[in-house]
Amino acid sequence: MLRCRAFLITCCAMLFAMGVDAPLPAIGAVSPRVTVANWYWAPWNQWSWQHTRRIFPSANIGRGDGPISALAPAHRDLSSISFLDPVSGRHMTVREMLARTNTDGFIVLRGGKIVSEQYFNGMTRSTPHLLMSMTKSVVGALAGIMVARGKLRPNALVTEYLPQLKDTVYGMATVREVLDMTVSARFDHANPYVGDDQAAGWLPPGPDAAPGLRAFLLTMKSKNGPDGKKFLYLDPSPLVISWIIESVTGRDVSESLQNDIWSKLGAQQDSYILLDHYQEAYTTPGLNMTLRDLARFGQMMSQDGWYNGQQIVPRPWVEDIRAGGSTSAWQAAQDPGTVSWPGYAQGSYRGFWWVSQKSCGRFAAIGLGGQLLIVDPVANMVIAKLSSAPSPEAGESTTRTAFYGADAIIRALSGHGC
């Protein structure tokens, strides 16, 4: 699902990096010579994905003034748990998985307590890390808050909120179809996602680059059939939802994330979201946060939106995500590669979350380059892995291996395997 975007980014980065005098990154006090032309992949991303605020403009998402919500220790040695790795075809231990899949941070919660927490590649407990497309799932949670307040109606047409998009692929789509990635679109070139990254300033702009993310949305015009029939991982869709949220609230989406989620979570520190050069938040891949705070967010979703003594995301919205989206749309997808994840053969996509089949009962946030958050309410477990895969292909493999490793951990600790 993520491969076409990853392949594109590699090609662009290689082209623009040619001739750039950039030494290997130094992890620690001395920063490397990282630029927009080389930051995306190895060897620079091991540093840059932990320091994106030093490369791009950003908006702060404050944690508020309340106490930090406790994550009590309940440590266990998980290193010798083994599983059959589908990538290598051989048995692998958790220790080997973490060492071989470019792990920056790894945490396991059971019952809201820390079973395991490990850091690599210069990352620490206080280091924010780029979430990549796990950002989408946080935006999906915020959308649920807006729905509960009557600010957002899932069955409404996008154009009821944003008439500017009437001549785009979103012109006849509903909010629900945007959230569930069933908006139809045709990609007119081999690399469909270069446009949003160039518009955001994440890659050096080409001659046809749009001036900002919203301008890029207006260029998306090619349909490929009716909406609602087929799952299509249309990467810019969170930009539409966050634009709607800004239009109905009258405030930046970073403020909504701060006021409605982050300041209520008991986070240990602020998070932040990257912006284009027109003050528009890149809500497709641009959130950055610490590993522990990501785990807190996952624990909140595991508890039907309840955390830190309050209902943060409405329970019906989380229950709706857990119930899953259209399995027929999932099966009709042109690239059903995710069925190789344990528990996803009959999976679906709902509210910007990847939902397993009902017999498994998990849902997940996934990001480019090996970012993964697995929420298992049945086992009351949360597993988060932040990574800096050196290439798109390695990122795909990392995610697949990590899914199986997480399944082995959850099975070993709770008996609930998928």
Protein backbone atom coordinates (compact mmCIF):
# COMPACT_ATOMS: atom_id res chain seq x y z
CA MET A 1 0.00 0.00 0.00
CA LEU A 2 2.82 2.38 0.85
CA ARG A 3 5.24 1.11 -1.75
CA CYS A 4 4.43 3.48 -4.62
CA ARG A 5 4.94 6.54 -2.41
CA ALA A 6 8.15 5.08 -1.02
CA PHE A 7 9.54 4.27 -4.46
CA LEU A 8 8.82 7.78 -5.62
CA ILE A 9 10.57 9.40 -2.69
CA THR A 10 13.67 7.27 -3.20
CA CYS A 11 13.90 8.20 -6.87
CA CYS A 12 13.47 11.91 -6.22
CA ALA A 13 15.89 11.92 -3.33
CA MET A 14 18.56 10.13 -5.36
CA LEU A 15 18.19 12.56 -8.24
CA PHE A 16 18.35 15.68 -6.13
CA ALA A 17 21.10 14.36 -3.89
CA MET A 18 23.52 13.76 -6.75
CA GLY A 19 26.45 16.03 -6.32
CA VAL A 20 25.43 17.14 -2.84
CA ASP A 21 28.40 17.15 -0.49
CA ALA A 22 26.75 15.62 2.58
CA PRO A 23 28.76 13.60 5.09
CA LEU A 24 27.34 10.74 7.08
CA PRO A 25 25.15 11.98 9.93
CA ALA A 26 26.52 12.23 13.43
CA ILE A 27 24.02 11.08 16.04
CA GLY A 28 24.32 13.21 19.13
CA ALA A 29 25.46 16.74 19.82
CA VAL A 30 26.85 17.43 16.34
CA SER A 31 24.25 17.54 13.58
CA PRO A 32 24.95 16.34 10.03
CA ARG A 33 24.69 18.42 6.90
CA VAL A 34 21.08 17.51 6.13
CA THR A 35 19.09 19.29 3.44
CA VAL A 36 15.71 18.96 1.77
CA ALA A 37 17.53 17.09 -1.00
CA ASN A 38 18.89 14.29 1.18
CA TRP A 39 16.94 14.05 4.45
CA TYR A 40 14.43 11.37 3.46
CA TRP A 41 16.48 8.16 3.45
CA ALA A 42 19.75 6.59 4.55
CA PRO A 43 22.14 7.53 5.84
CA TRP A 44 20.67 10.88 6.82
CA ASN A 45 17.20 9.82 8.01
CA GLN A 46 18.55 8.13 11.13
CA TRP A 47 19.23 11.67 12.32
CA SER A 48 16.64 13.69 10.40
CA TRP A 49 13.54 11.72 11.46
CA GLN A 50 14.41 12.63 15.04
CA HIS A 51 15.07 16.30 14.20
CA THR A 52 12.55 17.33 11.56
CA ARG A 53 11.87 20.63 13.31
CA ARG A 54 15.37 21.71 12.42
CA ILE A 55 14.65 21.14 8.72
CA PHE A 56 11.06 22.32 8.21
CA PRO A 57 8.67 24.89 9.71
CA SER A 58 6.37 23.52 12.38
CA ALA A 59 3.50 24.32 14.72
CA ASN A 60 3.68 23.36 18.37
CA ILE A 61 1.05 21.12 19.98
CA GLY A 62 1.28 21.85 23.70
CA ARG A 63 0.84 19.23 26.39
CA GLY A 64 -0.99 21.63 28.72
CA ASP A 65 -0.37 22.27 32.40
CA GLY A 66 -1.66 19.05 33.96
CA PRO A 67 0.42 16.26 35.48
CA ILE A 68 1.99 13.60 33.32
CA SER A 69 -0.16 10.46 33.21
CA ALA A 70 1.72 7.60 34.83
CA LEU A 71 3.06 4.64 32.89
CA ALA A 72 3.98 2.27 35.68
CA PRO A 73 6.75 -0.29 35.07
CA ALA A 74 5.92 -3.97 34.70
CA HIS A 75 9.09 -5.04 32.96
CA ARG A 76 9.56 -8.45 31.41
CA ASP A 77 12.32 -9.81 29.23
CA LEU A 78 10.77 -10.30 25.80
CA SER A 79 14.03 -10.71 23.92
CA SER A 80 13.86 -14.50 23.47
CA ILE A 81 10.27 -14.65 22.20
CA SER A 82 10.52 -16.05 18.68
CA PHE A 83 8.38 -16.08 15.57
CA LEU A 84 8.60 -17.09 11.94
CA ASP A 85 9.63 -13.99 10.02
CA PRO A 86 7.76 -13.90 6.69
CA VAL A 87 10.46 -11.75 5.08
CA SER A 88 13.50 -13.95 5.74
CA GLY A 89 11.56 -17.22 6.03
CA ARG A 90 13.34 -18.16 9.24
CA HIS A 91 12.67 -17.97 12.93
CA MET A 92 13.66 -14.70 14.57
CA THR A 93 13.71 -13.55 18.18
CA VAL A 94 12.41 -10.18 19.33
CA ARG A 95 16.00 -9.20 20.11
CA GLU A 96 16.99 -9.96 16.53
CA MET A 97 13.95 -8.16 15.17
CA LEU A 98 14.84 -4.94 16.96
CA ALA A 99 18.46 -5.16 15.86
CA ARG A 100 17.74 -5.94 12.22
CA THR A 101 14.83 -3.62 11.46
CA ASN A 102 16.40 -0.20 12.06
CA THR A 103 14.56 0.36 15.33
CA ASP A 104 14.79 3.80 16.93
CA GLY A 105 12.31 3.15 19.73
CA PHE A 106 10.18 0.22 20.86
CA ILE A 107 7.61 0.02 23.64
CA VAL A 108 5.10 -2.56 24.84
CA LEU A 109 2.23 -1.74 27.19
CA ARG A 110 0.01 -4.25 28.91
CA GLY A 111 -2.83 -2.88 30.99
CA GLY A 112 -1.32 0.57 30.55
CA LYS A 113 1.98 -0.49 32.17
CA ILE A 114 5.36 -0.61 30.47
CA VAL A 115 6.45 -4.19 29.81
CA SER A 116 9.38 -3.24 27.58
CA GLU A 117 10.94 0.05 26.46
CA GLN A 118 14.09 0.32 24.36
CA TYR A 119 15.87 3.04 22.39
CA PHE A 120 18.48 2.94 19.63
CA ASN A 121 20.28 5.20 17.14
CA GLY A 122 20.56 8.14 19.51
CA MET A 123 16.86 8.29 20.34
CA THR A 124 15.93 8.84 23.99
CA ARG A 125 12.78 8.94 26.07
CA SER A 126 12.46 12.68 25.39
CA THR A 127 13.19 12.61 21.64
CA PRO A 128 10.29 13.41 19.31
CA HIS A 129 10.20 11.19 16.21
CA LEU A 130 8.45 11.68 12.89
CA LEU A 131 5.28 9.53 12.71
CA MET A 132 4.95 9.57 8.93
CA SER A 133 1.48 8.27 8.01
CA MET A 134 0.59 7.31 11.58
CA THR A 135 -0.31 11.02 11.59
CA LYS A 136 -3.43 10.07 9.63
CA SER A 137 -4.77 8.00 12.51
CA VAL A 138 -4.41 10.89 14.97
CA VAL A 139 -6.31 13.11 12.52
CA GLY A 140 -8.96 10.39 12.32
CA ALA A 141 -9.37 10.50 16.10
CA LEU A 142 -9.74 14.29 15.96
CA ALA A 143 -12.39 13.90 13.27
CA GLY A 144 -14.39 11.72 15.66
CA ILE A 145 -14.38 14.49 18.24
CA MET A 146 -15.71 16.91 15.65
CA VAL A 147 -18.44 14.46 14.65
CA ALA A 148 -19.59 14.14 18.26
CA ARG A 149 -19.80 17.92 18.53
CA GLY A 150 -21.91 18.20 15.39
CA LYS A 151 -19.16 20.09 13.57
CA LEU A 152 -18.61 17.31 11.04
CA ARG A 153 -21.15 14.97 9.42
CA PRO A 154 -19.71 11.76 7.96
CA ASN A 155 -22.39 11.44 5.30
CA ALA A 156 -22.07 15.04 4.12
CA LEU A 157 -20.38 15.78 0.84
CA VAL A 158 -16.92 17.26 1.15
CA THR A 159 -18.09 20.19 -0.97
CA GLU A 160 -20.63 21.19 1.67
CA TYR A 161 -17.61 22.29 3.68
CA LEU A 162 -15.11 22.97 0.91
CA PRO A 163 -16.80 24.07 -2.32
CA GLN A 164 -13.30 24.84 -3.60
CA LEU A 165 -12.87 21.10 -4.21
CA LYS A 166 -15.90 20.63 -6.48
CA ASP A 167 -13.77 20.04 -9.60
CA THR A 168 -11.37 17.62 -7.90
CA VAL A 169 -11.51 13.90 -7.14
CA TYR A 170 -13.18 14.86 -3.85
CA GLY A 171 -16.00 16.76 -5.58
CA MET A 172 -18.64 14.03 -5.16
CA ALA A 173 -17.11 12.19 -2.20
CA THR A 174 -18.51 12.11 1.31
CA VAL A 175 -16.51 12.79 4.45
CA ARG A 176 -16.88 9.10 5.32
CA GLU A 177 -15.40 8.02 1.99
CA VAL A 178 -12.43 10.31 2.59
CA LEU A 179 -11.88 8.88 6.08
CA ASP A 180 -12.17 5.31 4.82
CA MET A 181 -9.94 5.80 1.76
CA THR A 182 -12.62 4.84 -0.77
CA VAL A 183 -12.41 8.01 -2.86
CA SER A 184 -11.81 7.08 -6.48
CA ALA A 185 -8.85 8.58 -8.29
CA ARG A 186 -6.67 7.90 -11.29
CA PHE A 187 -2.95 8.52 -11.14
CA ASP A 188 -1.79 10.03 -14.40
CA HIS A 189 1.90 9.45 -13.81
CA ALA A 190 4.09 6.71 -12.41
CA ASN A 191 4.90 8.52 -9.18
CA PRO A 192 1.58 9.73 -7.76
CA TYR A 193 2.77 11.31 -4.53
CA VAL A 194 5.55 13.59 -5.68
CA GLY A 195 3.07 16.46 -5.85
CA ASP A 196 2.12 16.70 -2.19
CA ASP A 197 5.71 16.30 -0.96
CA GLN A 198 6.92 19.01 -3.31
CA ALA A 199 4.02 21.27 -2.36
CA ALA A 200 4.86 20.72 1.30
CA GLY A 201 8.54 21.51 0.76
CA TRP A 202 9.65 17.98 1.66
CA LEU A 203 11.36 17.62 -1.71
CA PRO A 204 12.96 20.26 -3.92
CA PRO A 205 10.13 21.64 -6.07
CA GLY A 206 9.84 20.61 -9.69
CA PRO A 207 8.66 22.97 -12.44
CA ASP A 208 5.01 22.00 -11.91
CA ALA A 209 5.04 22.01 -8.10
CA ALA A 210 1.92 23.49 -6.50
CA PRO A 211 2.38 26.49 -4.18
CA GLY A 212 1.35 24.75 -0.99
CA LEU A 213 -0.73 21.77 0.04
CA ARG A 214 -4.17 23.22 -0.56
CA ALA A 215 -3.13 24.35 -4.02
CA PHE A 216 -1.99 20.78 -4.64
CA LEU A 217 -5.42 19.39 -3.70
CA LEU A 218 -6.96 21.56 -6.41
CA THR A 219 -4.81 19.78 -9.02
CA MET A 220 -6.22 16.32 -8.20
CA LYS A 221 -8.84 15.95 -10.92
CA SER A 222 -8.69 12.46 -12.48
CA LYS A 223 -11.38 10.00 -11.36
CA ASN A 224 -11.38 6.25 -11.88
CA GLY A 225 -14.96 5.16 -11.28
CA PRO A 226 -17.47 5.78 -8.48
CA ASP A 227 -16.51 6.55 -4.91
CA GLY A 228 -17.09 4.08 -2.09
CA LYS A 229 -16.42 0.89 -4.04
CA LYS A 230 -12.70 0.27 -3.72
CA PHE A 231 -10.06 0.93 -1.09
CA LEU A 232 -7.43 3.30 -2.46
CA TYR A 233 -4.71 4.65 -0.20
CA LEU A 234 -5.09 8.24 -1.36
CA ASP A 235 -2.30 9.87 0.58
CA PRO A 236 -3.51 13.51 0.63
CA SER A 237 -6.95 12.69 2.10
CA PRO A 238 -6.09 13.84 5.67
CA LEU A 239 -5.34 17.26 4.20
CA VAL A 240 -9.01 17.44 3.20
CA ILE A 241 -10.22 16.45 6.66
CA SER A 242 -7.92 18.88 8.46
CA TRP A 243 -8.94 21.66 6.06
CA ILE A 244 -12.59 20.95 6.89
CA ILE A 245 -11.81 20.96 10.62
CA GLU A 246 -10.12 24.31 10.30
CA SER A 247 -13.07 25.70 8.36
CA VAL A 248 -15.68 24.58 10.93
CA THR A 249 -13.67 25.53 14.03
CA GLY A 250 -12.02 28.73 12.80
CA ARG A 251 -8.65 27.70 14.21
CA ASP A 252 -5.51 25.92 13.05
CA VAL A 253 -5.68 22.14 13.19
CA SER A 254 -2.63 22.21 15.48
CA GLU A 255 -4.74 24.12 18.02
CA SER A 256 -7.52 21.56 17.76
CA LEU A 257 -5.05 18.72 18.26
CA GLN A 258 -3.66 20.56 21.28
CA ASN A 259 -6.95 21.53 22.90
CA ASP A 260 -8.95 18.40 22.13
CA ILE A 261 -6.39 15.59 22.44
CA TRP A 262 -2.87 16.46 23.50
CA SER A 263 -3.57 18.67 26.51
CA LYS A 264 -5.94 15.99 27.86
CA LEU A 265 -3.67 13.00 27.40
CA GLY A 266 -1.22 13.71 30.20
CA ALA A 267 1.57 13.70 27.64
CA GLN A 268 5.12 13.99 28.92
CA GLN A 269 5.96 16.81 26.51
CA ASP A 270 4.73 18.86 23.58
CA SER A 271 4.40 17.36 20.15
CA TYR A 272 4.53 19.27 16.88
CA ILE A 273 3.35 19.09 13.29
CA LEU A 274 5.29 20.13 10.22
CA LEU A 275 3.98 22.86 7.92
CA ASP A 276 4.39 23.81 4.30
CA HIS A 277 5.60 27.32 3.53
CA TYR A 278 2.05 28.67 3.58
CA GLN A 279 1.32 27.77 7.22
CA GLU A 280 -0.71 24.72 6.22
CA ALA A 281 -0.19 21.62 8.39
CA TYR A 282 1.06 18.52 6.60
CA THR A 283 -1.45 16.22 8.27
CA THR A 284 -0.66 13.29 5.99
CA PRO A 285 2.74 12.44 7.54
CA GLY A 286 3.93 15.39 9.64
CA LEU A 287 3.28 14.71 13.35
CA ASN A 288 6.25 14.26 15.70
CA MET A 289 6.07 12.94 19.27
CA THR A 290 7.93 10.85 21.82
CA LEU A 291 7.56 7.09 21.96
CA ARG A 292 5.92 7.15 25.37
CA ASP A 293 3.38 9.72 24.25
CA LEU A 294 2.58 7.64 21.20
CA ALA A 295 1.99 4.72 23.55
CA ARG A 296 -0.31 6.88 25.69
CA PHE A 297 -2.32 7.77 22.61
CA GLY A 298 -2.54 4.08 21.70
CA GLN A 299 -3.63 3.16 25.24
CA MET A 300 -6.36 5.81 25.07
CA MET A 301 -7.66 4.25 21.84
CA SER A 302 -7.45 0.79 23.41
CA GLN A 303 -9.72 2.04 26.20
CA ASP A 304 -12.41 3.28 23.80
CA GLY A 305 -11.17 6.85 23.97
CA TRP A 306 -11.02 7.05 27.79
CA TYR A 307 -7.70 8.05 29.36
CA ASN A 308 -6.25 10.18 32.10
CA GLY A 309 -9.59 10.30 33.90
CA GLN A 310 -11.65 11.60 30.98
CA GLN A 311 -13.29 10.69 27.69
CA ILE A 312 -11.00 12.19 25.05
CA VAL A 313 -12.19 10.56 21.83
CA PRO A 314 -15.92 9.66 21.87
CA ARG A 315 -16.49 6.00 22.67
CA PRO A 316 -18.92 5.44 19.75
CA TRP A 317 -16.27 6.69 17.32
CA VAL A 318 -13.65 4.25 18.62
CA GLU A 319 -16.19 1.43 18.61
CA ASP A 320 -17.00 2.28 15.01
CA ILE A 321 -13.31 2.05 14.08
CA ARG A 322 -13.02 -1.29 15.83
CA ALA A 323 -16.06 -2.57 13.91
CA GLY A 324 -14.14 -1.93 10.69
CA GLY A 325 -14.92 -0.55 7.28
CA SER A 326 -16.00 -2.15 4.03
CA THR A 327 -14.41 -5.56 3.53
CA SER A 328 -15.62 -5.61 -0.06
CA ALA A 329 -13.80 -2.33 -0.74
CA TRP A 330 -10.70 -3.84 0.86
CA GLN A 331 -10.89 -6.98 -1.26
CA ALA A 332 -11.48 -4.93 -4.41
CA ALA A 333 -8.26 -2.99 -3.88
CA GLN A 334 -5.78 -3.15 -6.74
CA ASP A 335 -2.95 -3.65 -4.27
CA PRO A 336 -4.21 -5.88 -1.43
CA GLY A 337 -0.69 -6.41 -0.09
CA THR A 338 -1.62 -5.84 3.53
CA VAL A 339 -3.40 -9.20 3.77
CA SER A 340 0.02 -10.65 4.59
CA TRP A 341 -0.16 -9.07 8.06
CA PRO A 342 -1.45 -11.46 10.76
CA GLY A 343 -5.18 -11.00 11.23
CA TYR A 344 -5.72 -8.88 8.12
CA ALA A 345 -6.80 -11.38 5.46
CA GLN A 346 -10.37 -10.08 5.93
CA GLY A 347 -9.31 -6.67 7.16
CA SER A 348 -10.57 -3.21 6.31
CA TYR A 349 -9.83 0.49 6.71
CA ARG A 350 -11.89 2.83 8.87
CA GLY A 351 -11.44 6.39 10.03
CA PHE A 352 -7.75 6.47 8.95
CA TRP A 353 -7.00 3.22 10.85
CA TRP A 354 -6.04 -0.22 9.53
CA VAL A 355 -8.53 -2.65 11.09
CA SER A 356 -8.02 -6.40 11.40
CA GLN A 357 -10.71 -8.99 10.90
CA LYS A 358 -13.14 -9.34 13.82
CA SER A 359 -11.62 -12.63 15.00
CA CYS A 360 -8.38 -10.76 15.66
CA GLY A 361 -9.81 -7.53 17.10
CA ARG A 362 -6.84 -5.23 16.56
CA PHE A 363 -6.38 -1.95 14.75
CA ALA A 364 -3.21 -0.20 13.74
CA ALA A 365 -1.58 3.03 12.63
CA ILE A 366 1.16 2.58 10.04
CA GLY A 367 3.77 4.95 8.67
CA LEU A 368 6.39 4.98 5.95
CA GLY A 369 9.79 3.64 6.88
CA GLY A 370 8.73 1.22 9.61
CA GLN A 371 6.46 3.26 11.90
CA LEU A 372 3.88 1.07 13.61
CA LEU A 373 1.31 1.32 16.40
CA ILE A 374 -0.74 -1.80 17.16
CA VAL A 375 -3.73 -1.48 19.48
CA ASP A 376 -5.21 -4.70 20.87
CA PRO A 377 -8.19 -4.01 23.16
CA VAL A 378 -8.85 -7.74 23.57
CA ALA A 379 -5.44 -8.32 25.17
CA ASN A 380 -5.34 -4.76 26.58
CA MET A 381 -1.97 -4.30 24.92
CA VAL A 382 -0.32 -1.58 22.87
CA ILE A 383 2.90 -1.96 20.87
CA ALA A 384 4.66 0.95 19.19
CA LYS A 385 7.77 0.84 17.02
CA LEU A 386 9.55 3.88 15.59
CA SER A 387 12.16 3.17 12.95
CA SER A 388 14.46 4.74 10.39
CA ALA A 389 14.49 2.22 7.58
CA PRO A 390 17.30 3.02 5.13
CA SER A 391 15.16 2.57 2.02
CA PRO A 392 11.51 2.19 1.03
CA GLU A 393 11.95 -1.53 0.46
CA ALA A 394 13.49 -1.95 3.90
CA GLY A 395 10.57 -0.01 5.38
CA GLU A 396 8.05 -2.37 3.80
CA SER A 397 9.95 -5.37 5.15
CA THR A 398 10.35 -3.77 8.58
CA THR A 399 6.61 -3.25 8.92
CA ARG A 400 5.79 -6.79 7.89
CA THR A 401 8.36 -8.31 10.23
CA ALA A 402 7.25 -6.06 13.09
CA PHE A 403 3.62 -7.11 12.67
CA TYR A 404 4.59 -10.74 13.16
CA GLY A 405 6.91 -9.93 16.05
CA ALA A 406 4.15 -7.95 17.77
CA ASP A 407 1.72 -10.83 17.27
CA ALA A 408 4.20 -13.20 18.94
CA ILE A 409 4.63 -10.82 21.88
CA ILE A 410 0.90 -10.36 22.39
CA ARG A 411 0.33 -14.10 22.10
CA ALA A 412 3.10 -14.88 24.60
CA LEU A 413 1.87 -12.37 27.18
CA SER A 414 -1.89 -12.74 26.81
CA GLY A 415 -2.62 -15.86 24.81
CA HIS A 416 -4.41 -13.77 22.18
CA GLY A 417 -2.80 -14.36 18.81
CA CYS A 418 -4.00 -13.55 15.31
